[in-house]
Amino acid sequence: MTARPLKRSLTLRGHRTSVSLEEAFWQEFRAIASEKGISINELAAAIDADRGVESGLASAIRVYILSQIKARQRPVSDAPSN
């Protein structure tokens, strides 16, 4: 697996864009989308809609992936209650 970012094209709400992520992030991004039953384009569009203007899309995707991994690792007793 390479640490060098790989550029891939995504379609966000009908508009093509390219995003550069390391292969490990692309793999995890695809796995998260699959777990949610959506395409990576749909997941990227949701992340894009939620990110602030000070954050680039690639950075927002990386932070999202990290948050998902951390949420999986959190013991059930540490999960926020409703």
PDB file of N, CA and C in Angstrom:
ATOM      1  N   MET A   1       0.856  -1.169   0.000  1.00  0.00           N
ATOM      2  CA  MET A   1       0.000   0.000   0.000  1.00  0.00           C
ATOM      3  C   MET A   1       0.905   1.236   0.000  1.00  0.00           C
ATOM      4  N   THR A   2       0.547   2.169  -0.806  1.00  0.00           N
ATOM      5  CA  THR A   2       1.348   3.380  -0.930  1.00  0.00           C
ATOM      6  C   THR A   2       0.856   4.485  -0.005  1.00  0.00           C
ATOM      7  N   ALA A   3       1.787   5.293   0.474  1.00  0.00           N
ATOM      8  CA  ALA A   3       1.420   6.443   1.298  1.00  0.00           C
ATOM      9  C   ALA A   3       1.152   7.664   0.430  1.00  0.00           C
ATOM     10  N   ARG A   4       1.505   7.568  -0.836  1.00  0.00           N
ATOM     11  CA  ARG A   4       1.308   8.689  -1.762  1.00  0.00           C
ATOM     12  C   ARG A   4      -0.184   8.800  -2.104  1.00  0.00           C
ATOM     13  N   PRO A   5      -0.744  10.000  -2.024  1.00  0.00           N
ATOM     14  CA  PRO A   5      -2.166  10.167  -2.353  1.00  0.00           C
ATOM     15  C   PRO A   5      -2.469   9.775  -3.804  1.00  0.00           C
ATOM     16  N   LEU A   6      -3.630   9.157  -3.975  1.00  0.00           N
ATOM     17  CA  LEU A   6      -4.118   8.754  -5.293  1.00  0.00           C
ATOM     18  C   LEU A   6      -5.338   9.593  -5.624  1.00  0.00           C
ATOM     19  N   LYS A   7      -5.334  10.194  -6.798  1.00  0.00           N
ATOM     20  CA  LYS A   7      -6.445  11.046  -7.214  1.00  0.00           C
ATOM     21  C   LYS A   7      -7.513  10.188  -7.888  1.00  0.00           C
ATOM     22  N   ARG A   8      -8.748  10.352  -7.434  1.00  0.00           N
ATOM     23  CA  ARG A   8      -9.879   9.649  -8.026  1.00  0.00           C
ATOM     24  C   ARG A   8     -10.998  10.654  -8.266  1.00  0.00           C
ATOM     25  N   SER A   9     -11.821  10.366  -9.254  1.00  0.00           N
ATOM     26  CA  SER A   9     -12.950  11.242  -9.571  1.00  0.00           C
ATOM     27  C   SER A   9     -14.186  10.807  -8.810  1.00  0.00           C
ATOM     28  N   LEU A  10     -14.928  11.791  -8.349  1.00  0.00           N
ATOM     29  CA  LEU A  10     -16.210  11.568  -7.685  1.00  0.00           C
ATOM     30  C   LEU A  10     -17.241  12.483  -8.334  1.00  0.00           C
ATOM     31  N   THR A  11     -18.495  12.093  -8.207  1.00  0.00           N
ATOM     32  CA  THR A  11     -19.591  12.939  -8.682  1.00  0.00           C
ATOM     33  C   THR A  11     -20.423  13.343  -7.476  1.00  0.00           C
ATOM     34  N   LEU A  12     -20.445  14.650  -7.203  1.00  0.00           N
ATOM     35  CA  LEU A  12     -21.194  15.182  -6.069  1.00  0.00           C
ATOM     36  C   LEU A  12     -22.369  15.996  -6.584  1.00  0.00           C
ATOM     37  N   ARG A  13     -23.564  15.472  -6.366  1.00  0.00           N
ATOM     38  CA  ARG A  13     -24.787  16.155  -6.806  1.00  0.00           C
ATOM     39  C   ARG A  13     -24.691  16.585  -8.275  1.00  0.00           C
ATOM     40  N   GLY A  14     -24.227  15.678  -9.123  1.00  0.00           N
ATOM     41  CA  GLY A  14     -24.173  15.918 -10.565  1.00  0.00           C
ATOM     42  C   GLY A  14     -22.926  16.612 -11.062  1.00  0.00           C
ATOM     43  N   HIS A  15     -22.025  16.985 -10.167  1.00  0.00           N
ATOM     44  CA  HIS A  15     -20.799  17.688 -10.563  1.00  0.00           C
ATOM     45  C   HIS A  15     -19.590  16.797 -10.304  1.00  0.00           C
ATOM     46  N   ARG A  16     -18.728  16.675 -11.304  1.00  0.00           N
ATOM     47  CA  ARG A  16     -17.510  15.876 -11.161  1.00  0.00           C
ATOM     48  C   ARG A  16     -16.449  16.677 -10.420  1.00  0.00           C
ATOM     49  N   THR A  17     -15.729  15.989  -9.553  1.00  0.00           N
ATOM     50  CA  THR A  17     -14.593  16.581  -8.851  1.00  0.00           C
ATOM     51  C   THR A  17     -13.584  15.481  -8.614  1.00  0.00           C
ATOM     52  N   SER A  18     -12.365  15.836  -8.344  1.00  0.00           N
ATOM     53  CA  SER A  18     -11.359  14.828  -8.028  1.00  0.00           C
ATOM     54  C   SER A  18     -10.875  15.049  -6.607  1.00  0.00           C
ATOM     55  N   VAL A  19     -10.556  13.945  -5.957  1.00  0.00           N
ATOM     56  CA  VAL A  19     -10.108  13.960  -4.573  1.00  0.00           C
ATOM     57  C   VAL A  19      -8.856  13.098  -4.483  1.00  0.00           C
ATOM     58  N   SER A  20      -7.859  13.577  -3.774  1.00  0.00           N
ATOM     59  CA  SER A  20      -6.624  12.826  -3.553  1.00  0.00           C
ATOM     60  C   SER A  20      -6.593  12.316  -2.120  1.00  0.00           C
ATOM     61  N   LEU A  21      -6.573  10.993  -1.992  1.00  0.00           N
ATOM     62  CA  LEU A  21      -6.467  10.334  -0.690  1.00  0.00           C
ATOM     63  C   LEU A  21      -5.462   9.197  -0.798  1.00  0.00           C
ATOM     64  N   GLU A  22      -4.851   8.847   0.299  1.00  0.00           N
ATOM     65  CA  GLU A  22      -3.975   7.686   0.341  1.00  0.00           C
ATOM     66  C   GLU A  22      -4.831   6.429   0.177  1.00  0.00           C
ATOM     67  N   GLU A  23      -4.242   5.369  -0.362  1.00  0.00           N
ATOM     68  CA  GLU A  23      -4.985   4.137  -0.648  1.00  0.00           C
ATOM     69  C   GLU A  23      -5.692   3.594   0.592  1.00  0.00           C
ATOM     70  N   ALA A  24      -5.062   3.678   1.747  1.00  0.00           N
ATOM     71  CA  ALA A  24      -5.701   3.191   2.980  1.00  0.00           C
ATOM     72  C   ALA A  24      -7.001   3.943   3.252  1.00  0.00           C
ATOM     73  N   PHE A  25      -7.010   5.246   2.980  1.00  0.00           N
ATOM     74  CA  PHE A  25      -8.237   6.021   3.166  1.00  0.00           C
ATOM     75  C   PHE A  25      -9.274   5.647   2.117  1.00  0.00           C
ATOM     76  N   TRP A  26      -8.868   5.444   0.863  1.00  0.00           N
ATOM     77  CA  TRP A  26      -9.827   5.024  -0.169  1.00  0.00           C
ATOM     78  C   TRP A  26     -10.476   3.694   0.223  1.00  0.00           C
ATOM     79  N   GLN A  27      -9.680   2.754   0.709  1.00  0.00           N
ATOM     80  CA  GLN A  27     -10.226   1.451   1.100  1.00  0.00           C
ATOM     81  C   GLN A  27     -11.230   1.591   2.226  1.00  0.00           C
ATOM     82  N   GLU A  28     -10.882   2.364   3.232  1.00  0.00           N
ATOM     83  CA  GLU A  28     -11.794   2.542   4.366  1.00  0.00           C
ATOM     84  C   GLU A  28     -13.036   3.326   3.959  1.00  0.00           C
ATOM     85  N   PHE A  29     -12.865   4.310   3.080  1.00  0.00           N
ATOM     86  CA  PHE A  29     -13.986   5.096   2.573  1.00  0.00           C
ATOM     87  C   PHE A  29     -14.995   4.193   1.864  1.00  0.00           C
ATOM     88  N   ARG A  30     -14.490   3.305   1.003  1.00  0.00           N
ATOM     89  CA  ARG A  30     -15.377   2.355   0.309  1.00  0.00           C
ATOM     90  C   ARG A  30     -16.055   1.420   1.302  1.00  0.00           C
ATOM     91  N   ALA A  31     -15.315   0.959   2.313  1.00  0.00           N
ATOM     92  CA  ALA A  31     -15.889   0.042   3.310  1.00  0.00           C
ATOM     93  C   ALA A  31     -17.007   0.724   4.104  1.00  0.00           C
ATOM     94  N   ILE A  32     -16.796   1.970   4.506  1.00  0.00           N
ATOM     95  CA  ILE A  32     -17.818   2.706   5.264  1.00  0.00           C
ATOM     96  C   ILE A  32     -19.066   2.904   4.408  1.00  0.00           C
ATOM     97  N   ALA A  33     -18.880   3.314   3.156  1.00  0.00           N
ATOM     98  CA  ALA A  33     -20.024   3.499   2.257  1.00  0.00           C
ATOM     99  C   ALA A  33     -20.792   2.190   2.098  1.00  0.00           C
ATOM    100  N   SER A  34     -20.061   1.099   1.926  1.00  0.00           N
ATOM    101  CA  SER A  34     -20.696  -0.210   1.774  1.00  0.00           C
ATOM    102  C   SER A  34     -21.489  -0.586   3.038  1.00  0.00           C
ATOM    103  N   GLU A  35     -20.908  -0.355   4.217  1.00  0.00           N
ATOM    104  CA  GLU A  35     -21.608  -0.633   5.479  1.00  0.00           C
ATOM    105  C   GLU A  35     -22.901   0.164   5.584  1.00  0.00           C
ATOM    106  N   LYS A  36     -22.891   1.374   5.055  1.00  0.00           N
ATOM    107  CA  LYS A  36     -24.071   2.234   5.106  1.00  0.00           C
ATOM    108  C   LYS A  36     -25.038   1.954   3.961  1.00  0.00           C
ATOM    109  N   GLY A  37     -24.624   1.118   3.010  1.00  0.00           N
ATOM    110  CA  GLY A  37     -25.484   0.767   1.885  1.00  0.00           C
ATOM    111  C   GLY A  37     -25.640   1.883   0.868  1.00  0.00           C
ATOM    112  N   ILE A  38     -24.599   2.734   0.770  1.00  0.00           N
ATOM    113  CA  ILE A  38     -24.631   3.838  -0.194  1.00  0.00           C
ATOM    114  C   ILE A  38     -23.346   3.839  -1.011  1.00  0.00           C
ATOM    115  N   SER A  39     -23.335   4.598  -2.085  1.00  0.00           N
ATOM    116  CA  SER A  39     -22.138   4.706  -2.906  1.00  0.00           C
ATOM    117  C   SER A  39     -21.151   5.693  -2.272  1.00  0.00           C
ATOM    118  N   ILE A  40     -19.887   5.619  -2.698  1.00  0.00           N
ATOM    119  CA  ILE A  40     -18.925   6.595  -2.174  1.00  0.00           C
ATOM    120  C   ILE A  40     -19.271   8.001  -2.657  1.00  0.00           C
ATOM    121  N   ASN A  41     -19.918   8.098  -3.819  1.00  0.00           N
ATOM    122  CA  ASN A  41     -20.356   9.415  -4.290  1.00  0.00           C
ATOM    123  C   ASN A  41     -21.396  10.012  -3.342  1.00  0.00           C
ATOM    124  N   GLU A  42     -22.339   9.186  -2.899  1.00  0.00           N
ATOM    125  CA  GLU A  42     -23.368   9.667  -1.963  1.00  0.00           C
ATOM    126  C   GLU A  42     -22.749  10.050  -0.620  1.00  0.00           C
ATOM    127  N   LEU A  43     -21.822   9.225  -0.147  1.00  0.00           N
ATOM    128  CA  LEU A  43     -21.169   9.520   1.123  1.00  0.00           C
ATOM    129  C   LEU A  43     -20.330  10.791   1.008  1.00  0.00           C
ATOM    130  N   ALA A  44     -19.607  10.931  -0.077  1.00  0.00           N
ATOM    131  CA  ALA A  44     -18.796  12.137  -0.300  1.00  0.00           C
ATOM    132  C   ALA A  44     -19.685  13.374  -0.364  1.00  0.00           C
ATOM    133  N   ALA A  45     -20.842  13.261  -1.001  1.00  0.00           N
ATOM    134  CA  ALA A  45     -21.762  14.403  -1.097  1.00  0.00           C
ATOM    135  C   ALA A  45     -22.267  14.795   0.292  1.00  0.00           C
ATOM    136  N   ALA A  46     -22.555  13.810   1.140  1.00  0.00           N
ATOM    137  CA  ALA A  46     -23.016  14.104   2.501  1.00  0.00           C
ATOM    138  C   ALA A  46     -21.914  14.779   3.308  1.00  0.00           C
ATOM    139  N   ILE A  47     -20.685  14.279   3.176  1.00  0.00           N
ATOM    140  CA  ILE A  47     -19.548  14.882   3.878  1.00  0.00           C
ATOM    141  C   ILE A  47     -19.326  16.298   3.367  1.00  0.00           C
ATOM    142  N   ASP A  48     -19.418  16.469   2.053  1.00  0.00           N
ATOM    143  CA  ASP A  48     -19.228  17.785   1.438  1.00  0.00           C
ATOM    144  C   ASP A  48     -20.257  18.782   1.961  1.00  0.00           C
ATOM    145  N   ALA A  49     -21.502  18.338   2.089  1.00  0.00           N
ATOM    146  CA  ALA A  49     -22.573  19.223   2.558  1.00  0.00           C
ATOM    147  C   ALA A  49     -22.364  19.638   4.010  1.00  0.00           C
ATOM    148  N   ASP A  50     -21.719  18.772   4.813  1.00  0.00           N
ATOM    149  CA  ASP A  50     -21.527  19.044   6.240  1.00  0.00           C
ATOM    150  C   ASP A  50     -20.239  19.779   6.567  1.00  0.00           C
ATOM    151  N   ARG A  51     -19.305  19.820   5.618  1.00  0.00           N
ATOM    152  CA  ARG A  51     -17.995  20.415   5.938  1.00  0.00           C
ATOM    153  C   ARG A  51     -18.077  21.940   5.940  1.00  0.00           C
ATOM    154  N   GLY A  52     -17.196  22.532   6.664  1.00  0.00           N
ATOM    155  CA  GLY A  52     -17.121  23.993   6.676  1.00  0.00           C
ATOM    156  C   GLY A  52     -16.313  24.487   5.494  1.00  0.00           C
ATOM    157  N   VAL A  53     -16.425  25.753   5.220  1.00  0.00           N
ATOM    158  CA  VAL A  53     -15.702  26.334   4.087  1.00  0.00           C
ATOM    159  C   VAL A  53     -14.200  26.357   4.330  1.00  0.00           C
ATOM    160  N   GLU A  54     -13.771  26.261   5.587  1.00  0.00           N
ATOM    161  CA  GLU A  54     -12.347  26.282   5.891  1.00  0.00           C
ATOM    162  C   GLU A  54     -11.680  24.926   5.679  1.00  0.00           C
ATOM    163  N   SER A  55     -12.454  23.915   5.376  1.00  0.00           N
ATOM    164  CA  SER A  55     -11.931  22.563   5.207  1.00  0.00           C
ATOM    165  C   SER A  55     -12.086  22.103   3.767  1.00  0.00           C
ATOM    166  N   GLY A  56     -11.018  21.544   3.216  1.00  0.00           N
ATOM    167  CA  GLY A  56     -11.098  20.952   1.883  1.00  0.00           C
ATOM    168  C   GLY A  56     -11.812  19.621   1.940  1.00  0.00           C
ATOM    169  N   LEU A  57     -12.320  19.160   0.804  1.00  0.00           N
ATOM    170  CA  LEU A  57     -13.076  17.903   0.772  1.00  0.00           C
ATOM    171  C   LEU A  57     -12.219  16.720   1.196  1.00  0.00           C
ATOM    172  N   ALA A  58     -10.996  16.624   0.700  1.00  0.00           N
ATOM    173  CA  ALA A  58     -10.133  15.495   1.071  1.00  0.00           C
ATOM    174  C   ALA A  58      -9.897  15.459   2.578  1.00  0.00           C
ATOM    175  N   SER A  59      -9.635  16.615   3.159  1.00  0.00           N
ATOM    176  CA  SER A  59      -9.437  16.680   4.612  1.00  0.00           C
ATOM    177  C   SER A  59     -10.706  16.290   5.357  1.00  0.00           C
ATOM    178  N   ALA A  60     -11.845  16.769   4.885  1.00  0.00           N
ATOM    179  CA  ALA A  60     -13.120  16.431   5.523  1.00  0.00           C
ATOM    180  C   ALA A  60     -13.387  14.930   5.454  1.00  0.00           C
ATOM    181  N   ILE A  61     -13.041  14.301   4.337  1.00  0.00           N
ATOM    182  CA  ILE A  61     -13.220  12.849   4.202  1.00  0.00           C
ATOM    183  C   ILE A  61     -12.310  12.119   5.177  1.00  0.00           C
ATOM    184  N   ARG A  62     -11.052  12.537   5.274  1.00  0.00           N
ATOM    185  CA  ARG A  62     -10.123  11.888   6.210  1.00  0.00           C
ATOM    186  C   ARG A  62     -10.626  11.999   7.649  1.00  0.00           C
ATOM    187  N   VAL A  63     -11.079  13.183   8.044  1.00  0.00           N
ATOM    188  CA  VAL A  63     -11.578  13.385   9.409  1.00  0.00           C
ATOM    189  C   VAL A  63     -12.822  12.527   9.640  1.00  0.00           C
ATOM    190  N   TYR A  64     -13.706  12.440   8.652  1.00  0.00           N
ATOM    191  CA  TYR A  64     -14.905  11.611   8.758  1.00  0.00           C
ATOM    192  C   TYR A  64     -14.517  10.145   8.961  1.00  0.00           C
ATOM    193  N   ILE A  65     -13.576   9.666   8.152  1.00  0.00           N
ATOM    194  CA  ILE A  65     -13.128   8.275   8.263  1.00  0.00           C
ATOM    195  C   ILE A  65     -12.550   8.024   9.652  1.00  0.00           C
ATOM    196  N   LEU A  66     -11.713   8.934  10.127  1.00  0.00           N
ATOM    197  CA  LEU A  66     -11.133   8.786  11.463  1.00  0.00           C
ATOM    198  C   LEU A  66     -12.226   8.729  12.526  1.00  0.00           C
ATOM    199  N   SER A  67     -13.222   9.590  12.414  1.00  0.00           N
ATOM    200  CA  SER A  67     -14.304   9.590  13.406  1.00  0.00           C
ATOM    201  C   SER A  67     -15.081   8.273  13.381  1.00  0.00           C
ATOM    202  N   GLN A  68     -15.272   7.705  12.195  1.00  0.00           N
ATOM    203  CA  GLN A  68     -15.974   6.428  12.080  1.00  0.00           C
ATOM    204  C   GLN A  68     -15.158   5.295  12.707  1.00  0.00           C
ATOM    205  N   ILE A  69     -13.858   5.297  12.480  1.00  0.00           N
ATOM    206  CA  ILE A  69     -12.986   4.271  13.063  1.00  0.00           C
ATOM    207  C   ILE A  69     -12.980   4.395  14.581  1.00  0.00           C
ATOM    208  N   LYS A  70     -12.871   5.621  15.081  1.00  0.00           N
ATOM    209  CA  LYS A  70     -12.865   5.830  16.528  1.00  0.00           C
ATOM    210  C   LYS A  70     -14.198   5.415  17.143  1.00  0.00           C
ATOM    211  N   ALA A  71     -15.293   5.680  16.456  1.00  0.00           N
ATOM    212  CA  ALA A  71     -16.614   5.296  16.974  1.00  0.00           C
ATOM    213  C   ALA A  71     -16.741   3.783  17.080  1.00  0.00           C
ATOM    214  N   ARG A  72     -16.158   3.074  16.111  1.00  0.00           N
ATOM    215  CA  ARG A  72     -16.192   1.597  16.153  1.00  0.00           C
ATOM    216  C   ARG A  72     -15.390   1.061  17.327  1.00  0.00           C
ATOM    217  N   GLN A  73     -14.322   1.735  17.686  1.00  0.00           N
ATOM    218  CA  GLN A  73     -13.422   1.255  18.724  1.00  0.00           C
ATOM    219  C   GLN A  73     -13.881   1.631  20.126  1.00  0.00           C
ATOM    220  N   ARG A  74     -14.807   2.581  20.235  1.00  0.00           N
ATOM    221  CA  ARG A  74     -15.283   3.045  21.532  1.00  0.00           C
ATOM    222  C   ARG A  74     -16.107   1.944  22.193  1.00  0.00           C
ATOM    223  N   PRO A  75     -15.809   1.606  23.436  1.00  0.00           N
ATOM    224  CA  PRO A  75     -16.631   0.618  24.148  1.00  0.00           C
ATOM    225  C   PRO A  75     -18.083   1.105  24.257  1.00  0.00           C
ATOM    226  N   VAL A  76     -19.005   0.185  24.310  1.00  0.00           N
ATOM    227  CA  VAL A  76     -20.419   0.527  24.378  1.00  0.00           C
ATOM    228  C   VAL A  76     -20.695   1.421  25.585  1.00  0.00           C
ATOM    229  N   SER A  77     -20.006   1.200  26.703  1.00  0.00           N
ATOM    230  CA  SER A  77     -20.246   2.019  27.897  1.00  0.00           C
ATOM    231  C   SER A  77     -19.831   3.470  27.692  1.00  0.00           C
ATOM    232  N   ASP A  78     -18.944   3.741  26.711  1.00  0.00           N
ATOM    233  CA  ASP A  78     -18.494   5.105  26.429  1.00  0.00           C
ATOM    234  C   ASP A  78     -19.363   5.820  25.394  1.00  0.00           C
ATOM    235  N   ALA A  79     -20.269   5.092  24.792  1.00  0.00           N
ATOM    236  CA  ALA A  79     -21.119   5.686  23.739  1.00  0.00           C
ATOM    237  C   ALA A  79     -22.029   6.724  24.360  1.00  0.00           C
ATOM    238  N   PRO A  80     -22.248   7.826  23.632  1.00  0.00           N
ATOM    239  CA  PRO A  80     -23.146   8.863  24.151  1.00  0.00           C
ATOM    240  C   PRO A  80     -24.563   8.321  24.321  1.00  0.00           C
ATOM    241  N   SER A  81     -25.238   8.727  25.370  1.00  0.00           N
ATOM    242  CA  SER A  81     -26.626   8.287  25.569  1.00  0.00           C
ATOM    243  C   SER A  81     -27.564   9.346  25.047  1.00  0.00           C
ATOM    244  N   ASN A  82     -28.774   8.922  24.698  1.00  0.00           N
ATOM    245  CA  ASN A  82     -29.788   9.866  24.167  1.00  0.00           C
ATOM    246  C   ASN A  82     -30.603  10.434  25.260  1.00  0.00           C
TER     247      ASN A  82
END
